C-alpha atoms as a PDB file:
ATOM      1  CA  MET A   1      10.456  10.458 -11.607  1.00  0.00           C
ATOM      2  CA  ARG A   2      11.352  11.692 -14.940  1.00  0.00           C
ATOM      3  CA  GLU A   3       8.791  11.453 -17.750  1.00  0.00           C
ATOM      4  CA  THR A   4      11.060   9.190 -19.339  1.00  0.00           C
ATOM      5  CA  GLU A   5      11.309   7.124 -16.393  1.00  0.00           C
ATOM      6  CA  LYS A   6       8.594   4.262 -15.671  1.00  0.00           C
ATOM      7  CA  CYS A   7       6.573   3.901 -12.558  1.00  0.00           C
ATOM      8  CA  PRO A   8       8.506   1.439 -10.407  1.00  0.00           C
ATOM      9  CA  CYS A   9       5.164  -0.683  -9.473  1.00  0.00           C
ATOM     10  CA  CYS A  10       4.843  -0.996 -13.201  1.00  0.00           C
ATOM     11  CA  ARG A  11       8.537  -2.121 -14.252  1.00  0.00           C
ATOM     12  CA  GLU A  12       9.160  -5.064 -16.244  1.00  0.00           C
ATOM     13  CA  GLY A  13       5.217  -5.465 -17.323  1.00  0.00           C
ATOM     14  CA  LYS A  14       4.191  -6.955 -14.196  1.00  0.00           C
ATOM     15  CA  THR A  15       0.726  -6.916 -13.454  1.00  0.00           C
ATOM     16  CA  THR A  16      -1.415  -8.616 -10.968  1.00  0.00           C
ATOM     17  CA  LEU A  17      -4.722  -9.456 -12.048  1.00  0.00           C
ATOM     18  CA  ARG A  18      -7.640  -9.258  -9.174  1.00  0.00           C
ATOM     19  CA  THR A  19     -10.907 -10.257  -8.904  1.00  0.00           C
ATOM     20  CA  GLU A  20     -13.532  -7.530  -8.958  1.00  0.00           C
ATOM     21  CA  GLU A  21     -14.379  -8.442  -5.038  1.00  0.00           C
ATOM     22  CA  GLN A  22     -10.826  -7.838  -4.226  1.00  0.00           C
ATOM     23  CA  LYS A  23     -10.673  -4.449  -6.184  1.00  0.00           C
ATOM     24  CA  LYS A  24     -13.262  -3.184  -4.312  1.00  0.00           C
ATOM     25  CA  LYS A  25     -12.118  -4.682  -1.133  1.00  0.00           C
ATOM     26  CA  LEU A  26      -8.762  -2.622  -1.663  1.00  0.00           C
ATOM     27  CA  LEU A  27     -10.142   0.484  -2.819  1.00  0.00           C
ATOM     28  CA  ASN A  28     -12.774   0.834  -0.443  1.00  0.00           C
ATOM     29  CA  ARG A  29      -9.702   0.765   2.364  1.00  0.00           C
ATOM     30  CA  LEU A  30      -8.249   3.245   0.740  1.00  0.00           C
ATOM     31  CA  LYS A  31     -11.293   5.649   0.126  1.00  0.00           C
ATOM     32  CA  ARG A  32     -11.448   5.539   3.958  1.00  0.00           C
ATOM     33  CA  ILE A  33      -7.975   6.160   4.238  1.00  0.00           C
ATOM     34  CA  GLU A  34      -8.177   9.261   2.034  1.00  0.00           C
ATOM     35  CA  GLY A  35     -11.337  10.414   4.170  1.00  0.00           C
ATOM     36  CA  GLN A  36      -9.105  10.040   7.230  1.00  0.00           C
ATOM     37  CA  ILE A  37      -6.611  12.017   5.630  1.00  0.00           C
ATOM     38  CA  ARG A  38      -9.236  14.959   4.462  1.00  0.00           C
ATOM     39  CA  GLY A  39     -10.302  14.759   7.597  1.00  0.00           C
ATOM     40  CA  ILE A  40      -6.766  15.526   9.224  1.00  0.00           C
ATOM     41  CA  CYS A  41      -6.525  18.703   6.172  1.00  0.00           C
ATOM     42  CA  ALA A  42      -9.493  19.827   7.667  1.00  0.00           C
ATOM     43  CA  MET A  43      -8.869  19.635  11.072  1.00  0.00           C
ATOM     44  CA  ILE A  44      -5.582  21.615  10.381  1.00  0.00           C
ATOM     45  CA  ASP A  45      -7.210  24.137   8.556  1.00  0.00           C
ATOM     46  CA  GLU A  46      -9.770  24.850  11.312  1.00  0.00           C
ATOM     47  CA  ASN A  47      -6.665  25.126  13.827  1.00  0.00           C
ATOM     48  CA  ALA A  48      -7.693  21.931  15.747  1.00  0.00           C
ATOM     49  CA  TYR A  49      -5.519  21.213  18.751  1.00  0.00           C
ATOM     50  CA  CYS A  50      -2.518  19.587  18.162  1.00  0.00           C
ATOM     51  CA  ASN A  51      -2.988  16.646  20.163  1.00  0.00           C
ATOM     52  CA  ASP A  52      -6.507  15.456  18.158  1.00  0.00           C
ATOM     53  CA  ILE A  53      -4.705  15.887  14.749  1.00  0.00           C
ATOM     54  CA  LEU A  54      -1.887  13.562  15.907  1.00  0.00           C
ATOM     55  CA  ILE A  55      -4.263  11.228  17.410  1.00  0.00           C
ATOM     56  CA  GLN A  56      -5.928  11.134  13.763  1.00  0.00           C
ATOM     57  CA  SER A  57      -3.162  11.059  12.041  1.00  0.00           C
ATOM     58  CA  ALA A  58      -2.106   7.780  13.806  1.00  0.00           C
ATOM     59  CA  ALA A  59      -5.269   6.335  12.833  1.00  0.00           C
ATOM     60  CA  ALA A  60      -4.443   7.076   9.719  1.00  0.00           C
ATOM     61  CA  GLY A  61      -1.440   5.635   9.744  1.00  0.00           C
ATOM     62  CA  ALA A  62      -2.576   2.222  11.274  1.00  0.00           C
ATOM     63  CA  ALA A  63      -4.990   2.524   8.468  1.00  0.00           C
ATOM     64  CA  LEU A  64      -2.535   2.298   5.495  1.00  0.00           C
ATOM     65  CA  GLY A  65      -0.151  -0.085   7.503  1.00  0.00           C
ATOM     66  CA  ALA A  66      -3.271  -2.709   7.648  1.00  0.00           C
ATOM     67  CA  PHE A  67      -3.593  -1.995   3.886  1.00  0.00           C
ATOM     68  CA  ASN A  68      -0.187  -2.578   3.302  1.00  0.00           C
ATOM     69  CA  ARG A  69      -0.277  -5.802   5.436  1.00  0.00           C
ATOM     70  CA  GLU A  70      -3.491  -7.104   3.406  1.00  0.00           C
ATOM     71  CA  LEU A  71      -1.876  -6.361   0.377  1.00  0.00           C
ATOM     72  CA  LEU A  72       1.363  -7.824   1.348  1.00  0.00           C
ATOM     73  CA  ALA A  73      -0.059 -11.170   2.199  1.00  0.00           C
ATOM     74  CA  ALA A  74      -2.195 -11.348  -1.148  1.00  0.00           C
ATOM     75  CA  HIS A  75       1.395 -10.705  -2.957  1.00  0.00           C
ATOM     76  CA  ILE A  76       2.925 -13.392  -1.133  1.00  0.00           C
ATOM     77  CA  HIS A  77       0.340 -15.849  -1.612  1.00  0.00           C
ATOM     78  CA  THR A  78      -0.493 -15.182  -5.201  1.00  0.00           C
ATOM     79  CA  CYS A  79       2.509 -13.587  -6.922  1.00  0.00           C
ATOM     80  CA  VAL A  80       5.190 -14.239  -4.928  1.00  0.00           C
ATOM     81  CA  ALA A  81       4.283 -18.342  -4.538  1.00  0.00           C
ATOM     82  CA  ARG A  82       3.585 -18.543  -8.151  1.00  0.00           C
ATOM     83  CA  ASP A  83       6.926 -16.810  -9.301  1.00  0.00           C
ATOM     84  CA  ILE A  84       8.892 -19.621  -7.102  1.00  0.00           C
ATOM     85  CA  ARG A  85       6.630 -21.927  -8.319  1.00  0.00           C
ATOM     86  CA  ASP A  86       8.086 -21.336 -11.694  1.00  0.00           C
ATOM     87  CA  GLY A  87      11.550 -21.416 -11.000  1.00  0.00           C
ATOM     88  CA  LYS A  88      11.609 -17.147 -10.461  1.00  0.00           C
ATOM     89  CA  ASN A  89      13.806 -16.877  -7.336  1.00  0.00           C
ATOM     90  CA  GLU A  90      14.594 -13.492  -8.062  1.00  0.00           C
ATOM     91  CA  VAL A  91      11.401 -12.660  -6.659  1.00  0.00           C
ATOM     92  CA  ILE A  92      12.668 -13.555  -3.245  1.00  0.00           C
ATOM     93  CA  ASP A  93      15.288 -10.764  -3.405  1.00  0.00           C
ATOM     94  CA  GLU A  94      12.352  -8.258  -4.771  1.00  0.00           C
ATOM     95  CA  LEU A  95      10.106  -9.454  -1.584  1.00  0.00           C
ATOM     96  CA  MET A  96      13.452  -8.638   0.799  1.00  0.00           C
ATOM     97  CA  VAL A  97      13.444  -5.015  -0.635  1.00  0.00           C
ATOM     98  CA  THR A  98       9.857  -4.703  -0.402  1.00  0.00           C
ATOM     99  CA  LEU A  99      10.135  -5.947   3.173  1.00  0.00           C
ATOM    100  CA  GLN A 100      12.663  -3.404   4.361  1.00  0.00           C
ATOM    101  CA  LYS A 101      11.095  -0.684   2.843  1.00  0.00           C
ATOM    102  CA  LEU A 102       7.618  -1.370   4.645  1.00  0.00           C
ATOM    103  CA  MET A 103       9.756  -1.625   7.839  1.00  0.00           C
ATOM    104  CA  ARG A 104      11.590   1.416   7.529  1.00  0.00           C
END
């Protein structure tokens, strides 16, 4: 991404207000995933058996998938529902693009 480009998640000035509890829950999940990734890095550094690394990598991938599903559900219930109520139906196209990216 070029320095002059905006981050795609920050485009159009869109933001999502979350409660402190929601933030804490999401950040805790990400910190656990970060710990899993660091563990995988350590396994590689220690020349761990490939199969053991693959199993840990799959677990980290599943954890990230669970994070994405939780965030997507919250997005649909809050942001998408709000925009549809406000007549901003373009949010449906945005959601479809997001779903396509998540399903790759």
